[in-house]
Protein backbone atom coordinates (compact mmCIF):
# COMPACT_ATOMS: atom_id res chain seq x y z
CA MET A 1 -4.21 22.25 -0.58
CA THR A 2 -1.04 24.15 0.68
CA VAL A 3 2.44 22.66 1.53
CA GLU A 4 1.51 22.98 5.24
CA GLN A 5 -1.87 21.27 4.80
CA ALA A 6 -0.32 18.44 2.88
CA ILE A 7 2.43 17.86 5.45
CA VAL A 8 -0.35 17.92 8.19
CA THR A 9 -2.37 15.35 6.25
CA ALA A 10 0.71 13.31 5.60
CA ILE A 11 1.33 13.11 9.37
CA ALA A 12 -1.86 12.21 10.38
CA PHE A 13 -1.86 9.35 7.88
CA GLU A 14 1.48 8.14 8.90
CA ALA A 15 0.53 8.21 12.55
CA ARG A 16 -2.61 6.05 11.82
CA VAL A 17 -0.54 3.44 9.62
CA ARG A 18 2.30 3.17 12.32
CA ASP A 19 -0.37 2.80 15.11
CA VAL A 20 -1.90 -0.11 13.14
CA TYR A 21 1.50 -1.88 12.73
CA VAL A 22 2.21 -1.24 16.46
CA ALA A 23 -1.08 -2.60 17.61
CA ALA A 24 -0.87 -5.61 15.23
CA ALA A 25 2.74 -6.32 16.40
CA ALA A 26 1.37 -6.20 20.08
CA ALA A 27 -1.24 -8.63 19.16
CA ALA A 28 0.82 -11.11 17.30
CA THR A 29 1.15 -14.70 18.57
CA ASP A 30 3.60 -15.37 15.71
CA ALA A 31 7.22 -14.34 16.53
CA ALA A 32 8.24 -13.85 12.92
CA ALA A 33 4.84 -11.77 12.13
CA ARG A 34 5.46 -9.88 15.30
CA ARG A 35 9.18 -8.90 14.10
CA VAL A 36 7.92 -7.99 10.76
CA LEU A 37 5.18 -5.65 12.15
CA GLU A 38 7.66 -3.97 14.65
CA VAL A 39 9.99 -3.11 11.61
CA LEU A 40 7.29 -1.94 9.81
CA GLY A 41 6.10 0.19 12.83
CA ARG A 42 9.58 1.65 13.13
CA GLU A 43 9.75 2.60 9.38
CA GLU A 44 6.56 4.41 9.68
CA GLN A 45 7.90 6.16 12.79
CA GLY A 46 10.92 7.10 10.55
CA HIS A 47 8.40 8.79 7.93
CA LEU A 48 6.66 10.51 10.84
CA ASP A 49 10.02 11.93 12.05
CA TYR A 50 11.09 12.99 8.57
CA LEU A 51 7.80 14.78 8.14
CA GLU A 52 7.80 16.54 11.45
CA SER A 53 11.28 17.86 10.55
CA ARG A 54 9.89 19.16 7.24
CA GLN A 55 6.99 20.82 9.14
CA ALA A 56 9.64 22.45 11.56
CA GLU A 57 11.45 23.66 8.56
CA TRP A 58 8.25 25.04 6.93
CA ALA A 59 7.37 26.81 10.13
CA LYS A 60 10.88 28.38 10.61
CA THR A 61 11.57 29.23 6.91
CA GLY A 62 8.51 28.90 4.74
CA ARG A 63 10.30 26.55 2.60
CA VAL A 64 10.91 22.83 2.48
CA THR A 65 14.17 21.55 1.03
């Protein structure tokens, strides 16, 4: 697996996890559970943002710092 493939795979995985948390938060009837799921969804989005920035860096420079 290349670096690029690893980043693409990680992005796909993180997006699926984020989507699960977002959907669960939307369906939650308990306020505390909804808040926890929303936080988890935001954290996963942070992972996605990071991975996407590394993907852009790889595309631009051929390196990931």
